[in-house]
Amino acid sequence: MKHLKEILSKVNIQEVKQGDVLVTNLRHYQKLTETNEALKRVVHGLHTGITGDFLAMDIRQALHFLGEITGQITSDDLLENIFAKFCIGK
């Protein structure tokens, strides 16, 4: 129990309860943060009357960030997409 308190104090958490979710992978944390920002833009857009096209872009972006965590979107997919759209000589 002493070690648990030491670990929690290092990460500035007072207590971990059953059912709490801890993200221990930095890349996952970054993607979740990016997902949260995209979803905040969706909520803001809903409140301000942004058109559905713009809302859909942010929703797709949120799904993309989650897909990078789950493996549905891979770096190879991203590179292939970039080269397919932007490479000269295609």
PDB file of N, CA and C in Angstrom:
ATOM      1  N   MET A   1       0.825  -1.194   0.000  1.00  0.00           N
ATOM      2  CA  MET A   1       0.000   0.000   0.000  1.00  0.00           C
ATOM      3  C   MET A   1       0.867   1.254   0.000  1.00  0.00           C
ATOM      4  N   LYS A   2       2.018   1.192   0.649  1.00  0.00           N
ATOM      5  CA  LYS A   2       2.921   2.338   0.702  1.00  0.00           C
ATOM      6  C   LYS A   2       3.405   2.710  -0.697  1.00  0.00           C
ATOM      7  N   HIS A   3       3.710   1.695  -1.507  1.00  0.00           N
ATOM      8  CA  HIS A   3       4.195   1.958  -2.862  1.00  0.00           C
ATOM      9  C   HIS A   3       3.119   2.620  -3.720  1.00  0.00           C
ATOM     10  N   LEU A   4       1.887   2.192  -3.541  1.00  0.00           N
ATOM     11  CA  LEU A   4       0.779   2.784  -4.289  1.00  0.00           C
ATOM     12  C   LEU A   4       0.664   4.271  -3.974  1.00  0.00           C
ATOM     13  N   LYS A   5       0.756   4.639  -2.708  1.00  0.00           N
ATOM     14  CA  LYS A   5       0.672   6.054  -2.321  1.00  0.00           C
ATOM     15  C   LYS A   5       1.823   6.855  -2.907  1.00  0.00           C
ATOM     16  N   GLU A   6       3.016   6.262  -2.944  1.00  0.00           N
ATOM     17  CA  GLU A   6       4.173   6.942  -3.531  1.00  0.00           C
ATOM     18  C   GLU A   6       3.958   7.185  -5.020  1.00  0.00           C
ATOM     19  N   ILE A   7       3.463   6.176  -5.712  1.00  0.00           N
ATOM     20  CA  ILE A   7       3.209   6.310  -7.156  1.00  0.00           C
ATOM     21  C   ILE A   7       2.144   7.369  -7.401  1.00  0.00           C
ATOM     22  N   LEU A   8       1.065   7.318  -6.650  1.00  0.00           N
ATOM     23  CA  LEU A   8      -0.012   8.288  -6.834  1.00  0.00           C
ATOM     24  C   LEU A   8       0.449   9.709  -6.552  1.00  0.00           C
ATOM     25  N   SER A   9       1.323   9.884  -5.563  1.00  0.00           N
ATOM     26  CA  SER A   9       1.821  11.219  -5.265  1.00  0.00           C
ATOM     27  C   SER A   9       2.705  11.745  -6.405  1.00  0.00           C
ATOM     28  N   LYS A  10       3.411  10.855  -7.094  1.00  0.00           N
ATOM     29  CA  LYS A  10       4.263  11.268  -8.214  1.00  0.00           C
ATOM     30  C   LYS A  10       3.454  11.770  -9.400  1.00  0.00           C
ATOM     31  N   VAL A  11       2.277  11.197  -9.604  1.00  0.00           N
ATOM     32  CA  VAL A  11       1.452  11.603 -10.743  1.00  0.00           C
ATOM     33  C   VAL A  11       0.328  12.545 -10.341  1.00  0.00           C
ATOM     34  N   ASN A  12       0.408  13.066  -9.136  1.00  0.00           N
ATOM     35  CA  ASN A  12      -0.534  14.063  -8.642  1.00  0.00           C
ATOM     36  C   ASN A  12      -1.972  13.545  -8.611  1.00  0.00           C
ATOM     37  N   ILE A  13      -2.129  12.294  -8.201  1.00  0.00           N
ATOM     38  CA  ILE A  13      -3.450  11.697  -8.027  1.00  0.00           C
ATOM     39  C   ILE A  13      -3.578  11.328  -6.563  1.00  0.00           C
ATOM     40  N   GLN A  14      -4.669  11.729  -5.957  1.00  0.00           N
ATOM     41  CA  GLN A  14      -4.856  11.464  -4.537  1.00  0.00           C
ATOM     42  C   GLN A  14      -5.332  10.044  -4.280  1.00  0.00           C
ATOM     43  N   GLU A  15      -6.146   9.513  -5.186  1.00  0.00           N
ATOM     44  CA  GLU A  15      -6.758   8.221  -4.941  1.00  0.00           C
ATOM     45  C   GLU A  15      -7.156   7.592  -6.272  1.00  0.00           C
ATOM     46  N   VAL A  16      -7.041   6.293  -6.361  1.00  0.00           N
ATOM     47  CA  VAL A  16      -7.547   5.557  -7.519  1.00  0.00           C
ATOM     48  C   VAL A  16      -8.645   4.640  -7.017  1.00  0.00           C
ATOM     49  N   LYS A  17      -9.812   4.809  -7.629  1.00  0.00           N
ATOM     50  CA  LYS A  17     -10.961   4.007  -7.225  1.00  0.00           C
ATOM     51  C   LYS A  17     -11.222   2.928  -8.265  1.00  0.00           C
ATOM     52  N   GLN A  18     -11.889   1.883  -7.858  1.00  0.00           N
ATOM     53  CA  GLN A  18     -12.260   0.829  -8.780  1.00  0.00           C
ATOM     54  C   GLN A  18     -13.104   1.427  -9.897  1.00  0.00           C
ATOM     55  N   GLY A  19     -12.775   1.076 -11.116  1.00  0.00           N
ATOM     56  CA  GLY A  19     -13.510   1.599 -12.263  1.00  0.00           C
ATOM     57  C   GLY A  19     -12.860   2.826 -12.889  1.00  0.00           C
ATOM     58  N   ASP A  20     -11.881   3.450 -12.209  1.00  0.00           N
ATOM     59  CA  ASP A  20     -11.167   4.583 -12.787  1.00  0.00           C
ATOM     60  C   ASP A  20     -10.333   4.110 -13.972  1.00  0.00           C
ATOM     61  N   VAL A  21     -10.149   4.987 -14.931  1.00  0.00           N
ATOM     62  CA  VAL A  21      -9.339   4.676 -16.094  1.00  0.00           C
ATOM     63  C   VAL A  21      -8.067   5.517 -16.027  1.00  0.00           C
ATOM     64  N   LEU A  22      -6.940   4.844 -16.130  1.00  0.00           N
ATOM     65  CA  LEU A  22      -5.654   5.536 -16.168  1.00  0.00           C
ATOM     66  C   LEU A  22      -5.016   5.283 -17.525  1.00  0.00           C
ATOM     67  N   VAL A  23      -4.544   6.328 -18.148  1.00  0.00           N
ATOM     68  CA  VAL A  23      -3.863   6.194 -19.426  1.00  0.00           C
ATOM     69  C   VAL A  23      -2.366   6.275 -19.138  1.00  0.00           C
ATOM     70  N   THR A  24      -1.671   5.202 -19.440  1.00  0.00           N
ATOM     71  CA  THR A  24      -0.248   5.138 -19.110  1.00  0.00           C
ATOM     72  C   THR A  24       0.647   5.251 -20.333  1.00  0.00           C
ATOM     73  N   ASN A  25       0.060   5.336 -21.511  1.00  0.00           N
ATOM     74  CA  ASN A  25       0.814   5.443 -22.749  1.00  0.00           C
ATOM     75  C   ASN A  25       0.725   6.889 -23.235  1.00  0.00           C
ATOM     76  N   LEU A  26       1.863   7.535 -23.413  1.00  0.00           N
ATOM     77  CA  LEU A  26       1.877   8.953 -23.798  1.00  0.00           C
ATOM     78  C   LEU A  26       1.201   9.183 -25.142  1.00  0.00           C
ATOM     79  N   ARG A  27       1.438   8.305 -26.103  1.00  0.00           N
ATOM     80  CA  ARG A  27       0.819   8.464 -27.420  1.00  0.00           C
ATOM     81  C   ARG A  27      -0.706   8.363 -27.297  1.00  0.00           C
ATOM     82  N   HIS A  28      -1.190   7.427 -26.508  1.00  0.00           N
ATOM     83  CA  HIS A  28      -2.631   7.305 -26.302  1.00  0.00           C
ATOM     84  C   HIS A  28      -3.188   8.557 -25.630  1.00  0.00           C
ATOM     85  N   TYR A  29      -2.461   9.072 -24.647  1.00  0.00           N
ATOM     86  CA  TYR A  29      -2.898  10.291 -23.961  1.00  0.00           C
ATOM     87  C   TYR A  29      -3.010  11.450 -24.962  1.00  0.00           C
ATOM     88  N   GLN A  30      -2.012  11.577 -25.831  1.00  0.00           N
ATOM     89  CA  GLN A  30      -2.033  12.661 -26.817  1.00  0.00           C
ATOM     90  C   GLN A  30      -3.212  12.507 -27.772  1.00  0.00           C
ATOM     91  N   LYS A  31      -3.463  11.276 -28.236  1.00  0.00           N
ATOM     92  CA  LYS A  31      -4.576  11.048 -29.157  1.00  0.00           C
ATOM     93  C   LYS A  31      -5.922  11.276 -28.474  1.00  0.00           C
ATOM     94  N   LEU A  32      -6.036  10.895 -27.202  1.00  0.00           N
ATOM     95  CA  LEU A  32      -7.264  11.159 -26.462  1.00  0.00           C
ATOM     96  C   LEU A  32      -7.469  12.658 -26.257  1.00  0.00           C
ATOM     97  N   THR A  33      -6.395  13.378 -26.014  1.00  0.00           N
ATOM     98  CA  THR A  33      -6.470  14.828 -25.871  1.00  0.00           C
ATOM     99  C   THR A  33      -6.914  15.470 -27.189  1.00  0.00           C
ATOM    100  N   GLU A  34      -6.343  15.004 -28.300  1.00  0.00           N
ATOM    101  CA  GLU A  34      -6.736  15.525 -29.611  1.00  0.00           C
ATOM    102  C   GLU A  34      -8.192  15.178 -29.921  1.00  0.00           C
ATOM    103  N   THR A  35      -8.614  13.980 -29.540  1.00  0.00           N
ATOM    104  CA  THR A  35     -10.016  13.584 -29.720  1.00  0.00           C
ATOM    105  C   THR A  35     -10.928  14.514 -28.926  1.00  0.00           C
ATOM    106  N   ASN A  36     -10.549  14.779 -27.694  1.00  0.00           N
ATOM    107  CA  ASN A  36     -11.344  15.658 -26.834  1.00  0.00           C
ATOM    108  C   ASN A  36     -11.460  17.055 -27.445  1.00  0.00           C
ATOM    109  N   GLU A  37     -10.367  17.581 -27.974  1.00  0.00           N
ATOM    110  CA  GLU A  37     -10.404  18.913 -28.591  1.00  0.00           C
ATOM    111  C   GLU A  37     -11.331  18.925 -29.806  1.00  0.00           C
ATOM    112  N   ALA A  38     -11.264  17.875 -30.626  1.00  0.00           N
ATOM    113  CA  ALA A  38     -12.145  17.798 -31.800  1.00  0.00           C
ATOM    114  C   ALA A  38     -13.600  17.732 -31.366  1.00  0.00           C
ATOM    115  N   LEU A  39     -13.887  16.967 -30.321  1.00  0.00           N
ATOM    116  CA  LEU A  39     -15.267  16.856 -29.846  1.00  0.00           C
ATOM    117  C   LEU A  39     -15.748  18.156 -29.197  1.00  0.00           C
ATOM    118  N   LYS A  40     -14.844  18.886 -28.564  1.00  0.00           N
ATOM    119  CA  LYS A  40     -15.209  20.210 -28.034  1.00  0.00           C
ATOM    120  C   LYS A  40     -15.611  21.140 -29.167  1.00  0.00           C
ATOM    121  N   ARG A  41     -14.898  21.045 -30.307  1.00  0.00           N
ATOM    122  CA  ARG A  41     -15.254  21.869 -31.471  1.00  0.00           C
ATOM    123  C   ARG A  41     -16.636  21.478 -31.992  1.00  0.00           C
ATOM    124  N   VAL A  42     -16.958  20.187 -31.954  1.00  0.00           N
ATOM    125  CA  VAL A  42     -18.283  19.729 -32.386  1.00  0.00           C
ATOM    126  C   VAL A  42     -19.355  20.331 -31.486  1.00  0.00           C
ATOM    127  N   VAL A  43     -19.179  20.228 -30.185  1.00  0.00           N
ATOM    128  CA  VAL A  43     -20.167  20.767 -29.242  1.00  0.00           C
ATOM    129  C   VAL A  43     -20.309  22.271 -29.427  1.00  0.00           C
ATOM    130  N   HIS A  44     -19.172  22.962 -29.563  1.00  0.00           N
ATOM    131  CA  HIS A  44     -19.218  24.409 -29.781  1.00  0.00           C
ATOM    132  C   HIS A  44     -19.968  24.719 -31.081  1.00  0.00           C
ATOM    133  N   GLY A  45     -19.684  23.950 -32.119  1.00  0.00           N
ATOM    134  CA  GLY A  45     -20.360  24.140 -33.393  1.00  0.00           C
ATOM    135  C   GLY A  45     -21.855  23.915 -33.300  1.00  0.00           C
ATOM    136  N   LEU A  46     -22.257  22.935 -32.512  1.00  0.00           N
ATOM    137  CA  LEU A  46     -23.689  22.685 -32.332  1.00  0.00           C
ATOM    138  C   LEU A  46     -24.370  23.868 -31.655  1.00  0.00           C
ATOM    139  N   HIS A  47     -23.679  24.473 -30.695  1.00  0.00           N
ATOM    140  CA  HIS A  47     -24.251  25.616 -29.974  1.00  0.00           C
ATOM    141  C   HIS A  47     -24.268  26.885 -30.816  1.00  0.00           C
ATOM    142  N   THR A  48     -23.355  27.000 -31.773  1.00  0.00           N
ATOM    143  CA  THR A  48     -23.268  28.225 -32.569  1.00  0.00           C
ATOM    144  C   THR A  48     -23.883  28.090 -33.956  1.00  0.00           C
ATOM    145  N   GLY A  49     -24.423  26.910 -34.269  1.00  0.00           N
ATOM    146  CA  GLY A  49     -25.110  26.746 -35.550  1.00  0.00           C
ATOM    147  C   GLY A  49     -24.203  26.493 -36.739  1.00  0.00           C
ATOM    148  N   ILE A  50     -23.049  25.918 -36.511  1.00  0.00           N
ATOM    149  CA  ILE A  50     -22.148  25.580 -37.621  1.00  0.00           C
ATOM    150  C   ILE A  50     -22.833  24.547 -38.514  1.00  0.00           C
ATOM    151  N   THR A  51     -22.571  24.602 -39.802  1.00  0.00           N
ATOM    152  CA  THR A  51     -23.209  23.662 -40.727  1.00  0.00           C
ATOM    153  C   THR A  51     -22.736  22.232 -40.473  1.00  0.00           C
ATOM    154  N   GLY A  52     -23.549  21.306 -40.913  1.00  0.00           N
ATOM    155  CA  GLY A  52     -23.254  19.893 -40.725  1.00  0.00           C
ATOM    156  C   GLY A  52     -21.958  19.453 -41.358  1.00  0.00           C
ATOM    157  N   ASP A  53     -21.571  20.079 -42.476  1.00  0.00           N
ATOM    158  CA  ASP A  53     -20.318  19.715 -43.141  1.00  0.00           C
ATOM    159  C   ASP A  53     -19.118  19.963 -42.228  1.00  0.00           C
ATOM    160  N   PHE A  54     -19.129  21.098 -41.560  1.00  0.00           N
ATOM    161  CA  PHE A  54     -18.017  21.419 -40.660  1.00  0.00           C
ATOM    162  C   PHE A  54     -18.043  20.535 -39.411  1.00  0.00           C
ATOM    163  N   LEU A  55     -19.238  20.253 -38.912  1.00  0.00           N
ATOM    164  CA  LEU A  55     -19.348  19.350 -37.776  1.00  0.00           C
ATOM    165  C   LEU A  55     -18.816  17.968 -38.145  1.00  0.00           C
ATOM    166  N   ALA A  56     -19.156  17.507 -39.336  1.00  0.00           N
ATOM    167  CA  ALA A  56     -18.722  16.189 -39.799  1.00  0.00           C
ATOM    168  C   ALA A  56     -17.199  16.113 -39.886  1.00  0.00           C
ATOM    169  N   MET A  57     -16.562  17.203 -40.279  1.00  0.00           N
ATOM    170  CA  MET A  57     -15.089  17.215 -40.356  1.00  0.00           C
ATOM    171  C   MET A  57     -14.488  16.971 -38.975  1.00  0.00           C
ATOM    172  N   ASP A  58     -15.006  17.652 -37.971  1.00  0.00           N
ATOM    173  CA  ASP A  58     -14.482  17.477 -36.613  1.00  0.00           C
ATOM    174  C   ASP A  58     -14.811  16.095 -36.061  1.00  0.00           C
ATOM    175  N   ILE A  59     -15.980  15.580 -36.381  1.00  0.00           N
ATOM    176  CA  ILE A  59     -16.338  14.228 -35.937  1.00  0.00           C
ATOM    177  C   ILE A  59     -15.406  13.209 -36.586  1.00  0.00           C
ATOM    178  N   ARG A  60     -15.157  13.370 -37.885  1.00  0.00           N
ATOM    179  CA  ARG A  60     -14.223  12.466 -38.572  1.00  0.00           C
ATOM    180  C   ARG A  60     -12.837  12.547 -37.963  1.00  0.00           C
ATOM    181  N   GLN A  61     -12.413  13.746 -37.617  1.00  0.00           N
ATOM    182  CA  GLN A  61     -11.095  13.908 -37.014  1.00  0.00           C
ATOM    183  C   GLN A  61     -11.031  13.199 -35.663  1.00  0.00           C
ATOM    184  N   ALA A  62     -12.081  13.318 -34.860  1.00  0.00           N
ATOM    185  CA  ALA A  62     -12.124  12.622 -33.568  1.00  0.00           C
ATOM    186  C   ALA A  62     -12.045  11.117 -33.783  1.00  0.00           C
ATOM    187  N   LEU A  63     -12.798  10.605 -34.743  1.00  0.00           N
ATOM    188  CA  LEU A  63     -12.761   9.171 -35.038  1.00  0.00           C
ATOM    189  C   LEU A  63     -11.381   8.749 -35.538  1.00  0.00           C
ATOM    190  N   HIS A  64     -10.752   9.608 -36.291  1.00  0.00           N
ATOM    191  CA  HIS A  64      -9.407   9.320 -36.792  1.00  0.00           C
ATOM    192  C   HIS A  64      -8.421   9.170 -35.629  1.00  0.00           C
ATOM    193  N   PHE A  65      -8.468  10.098 -34.685  1.00  0.00           N
ATOM    194  CA  PHE A  65      -7.553  10.031 -33.532  1.00  0.00           C
ATOM    195  C   PHE A  65      -7.798   8.762 -32.723  1.00  0.00           C
ATOM    196  N   LEU A  66      -9.068   8.403 -32.523  1.00  0.00           N
ATOM    197  CA  LEU A  66      -9.375   7.162 -31.812  1.00  0.00           C
ATOM    198  C   LEU A  66      -8.902   5.951 -32.603  1.00  0.00           C
ATOM    199  N   GLY A  67      -9.034   6.023 -33.916  1.00  0.00           N
ATOM    200  CA  GLY A  67      -8.572   4.939 -34.775  1.00  0.00           C
ATOM    201  C   GLY A  67      -7.069   4.731 -34.700  1.00  0.00           C
ATOM    202  N   GLU A  68      -6.332   5.800 -34.441  1.00  0.00           N
ATOM    203  CA  GLU A  68      -4.886   5.665 -34.283  1.00  0.00           C
ATOM    204  C   GLU A  68      -4.553   4.887 -33.012  1.00  0.00           C
ATOM    205  N   ILE A  69      -5.408   4.975 -32.004  1.00  0.00           N
ATOM    206  CA  ILE A  69      -5.185   4.225 -30.761  1.00  0.00           C
ATOM    207  C   ILE A  69      -5.572   2.760 -30.967  1.00  0.00           C
ATOM    208  N   THR A  70      -6.716   2.540 -31.592  1.00  0.00           N
ATOM    209  CA  THR A  70      -7.239   1.184 -31.724  1.00  0.00           C
ATOM    210  C   THR A  70      -6.568   0.386 -32.837  1.00  0.00           C
ATOM    211  N   GLY A  71      -5.819   1.075 -33.669  1.00  0.00           N
ATOM    212  CA  GLY A  71      -5.144   0.384 -34.758  1.00  0.00           C
ATOM    213  C   GLY A  71      -5.926   0.385 -36.054  1.00  0.00           C
ATOM    214  N   GLN A  72      -7.082   1.002 -36.060  1.00  0.00           N
ATOM    215  CA  GLN A  72      -7.854   1.074 -37.297  1.00  0.00           C
ATOM    216  C   GLN A  72      -7.207   2.032 -38.281  1.00  0.00           C
ATOM    217  N   ILE A  73      -6.463   2.992 -37.769  1.00  0.00           N
ATOM    218  CA  ILE A  73      -5.689   3.909 -38.597  1.00  0.00           C
ATOM    219  C   ILE A  73      -4.231   3.666 -38.254  1.00  0.00           C
ATOM    220  N   THR A  74      -3.447   3.319 -39.236  1.00  0.00           N
ATOM    221  CA  THR A  74      -2.033   3.063 -38.979  1.00  0.00           C
ATOM    222  C   THR A  74      -1.192   4.120 -39.662  1.00  0.00           C
ATOM    223  N   SER A  75       0.049   4.201 -39.263  1.00  0.00           N
ATOM    224  CA  SER A  75       0.974   5.149 -39.893  1.00  0.00           C
ATOM    225  C   SER A  75       1.094   4.859 -41.378  1.00  0.00           C
ATOM    226  N   ASP A  76       1.083   3.574 -41.753  1.00  0.00           N
ATOM    227  CA  ASP A  76       1.156   3.217 -43.165  1.00  0.00           C
ATOM    228  C   ASP A  76      -0.045   3.751 -43.923  1.00  0.00           C
ATOM    229  N   ASP A  77      -1.230   3.663 -43.301  1.00  0.00           N
ATOM    230  CA  ASP A  77      -2.433   4.208 -43.934  1.00  0.00           C
ATOM    231  C   ASP A  77      -2.287   5.710 -44.146  1.00  0.00           C
ATOM    232  N   LEU A  78      -1.764   6.387 -43.134  1.00  0.00           N
ATOM    233  CA  LEU A  78      -1.590   7.837 -43.234  1.00  0.00           C
ATOM    234  C   LEU A  78      -0.606   8.194 -44.345  1.00  0.00           C
ATOM    235  N   LEU A  79       0.522   7.498 -44.389  1.00  0.00           N
ATOM    236  CA  LEU A  79       1.525   7.780 -45.416  1.00  0.00           C
ATOM    237  C   LEU A  79       0.975   7.502 -46.811  1.00  0.00           C
ATOM    238  N   GLU A  80       0.260   6.393 -46.948  1.00  0.00           N
ATOM    239  CA  GLU A  80      -0.327   6.059 -48.245  1.00  0.00           C
ATOM    240  C   GLU A  80      -1.304   7.131 -48.684  1.00  0.00           C
ATOM    241  N   ASN A  81      -2.100   7.613 -47.751  1.00  0.00           N
ATOM    242  CA  ASN A  81      -3.074   8.655 -48.046  1.00  0.00           C
ATOM    243  C   ASN A  81      -2.376   9.951 -48.464  1.00  0.00           C
ATOM    244  N   ILE A  82      -1.322  10.320 -47.739  1.00  0.00           N
ATOM    245  CA  ILE A  82      -0.582  11.545 -48.066  1.00  0.00           C
ATOM    246  C   ILE A  82       0.034  11.443 -49.455  1.00  0.00           C
ATOM    247  N   PHE A  83       0.705  10.330 -49.724  1.00  0.00           N
ATOM    248  CA  PHE A  83       1.351  10.174 -51.028  1.00  0.00           C
ATOM    249  C   PHE A  83       0.339  10.095 -52.159  1.00  0.00           C
ATOM    250  N   ALA A  84      -0.790   9.464 -51.915  1.00  0.00           N
ATOM    251  CA  ALA A  84      -1.806   9.343 -52.942  1.00  0.00           C
ATOM    252  C   ALA A  84      -2.390  10.697 -53.314  1.00  0.00           C
ATOM    253  N   LYS A  85      -2.494  11.596 -52.338  1.00  0.00           N
ATOM    254  CA  LYS A  85      -3.136  12.885 -52.589  1.00  0.00           C
ATOM    255  C   LYS A  85      -2.166  13.983 -52.992  1.00  0.00           C
ATOM    256  N   PHE A  86      -0.911  13.892 -52.542  1.00  0.00           N
ATOM    257  CA  PHE A  86      -0.034  15.032 -52.718  1.00  0.00           C
ATOM    258  C   PHE A  86       1.221  14.781 -53.553  1.00  0.00           C
ATOM    259  N   CYS A  87       1.493  13.552 -53.913  1.00  0.00           N
ATOM    260  CA  CYS A  87       2.715  13.287 -54.681  1.00  0.00           C
ATOM    261  C   CYS A  87       2.540  13.733 -56.124  1.00  0.00           C
ATOM    262  N   ILE A  88       3.570  14.393 -56.611  1.00  0.00           N
ATOM    263  CA  ILE A  88       3.593  14.850 -57.991  1.00  0.00           C
ATOM    264  C   ILE A  88       3.943  13.656 -58.868  1.00  0.00           C
ATOM    265  N   GLY A  89       3.338  13.582 -60.033  1.00  0.00           N
ATOM    266  CA  GLY A  89       3.674  12.521 -60.965  1.00  0.00           C
ATOM    267  C   GLY A  89       2.719  11.347 -60.915  1.00  0.00           C
ATOM    268  N   LYS A  90       1.651  11.470 -60.196  1.00  0.00           N
ATOM    269  CA  LYS A  90       0.655  10.373 -60.160  1.00  0.00           C
ATOM    270  C   LYS A  90      -0.280  10.526 -61.322  1.00  0.00           C
TER     271      LYS A  90
END
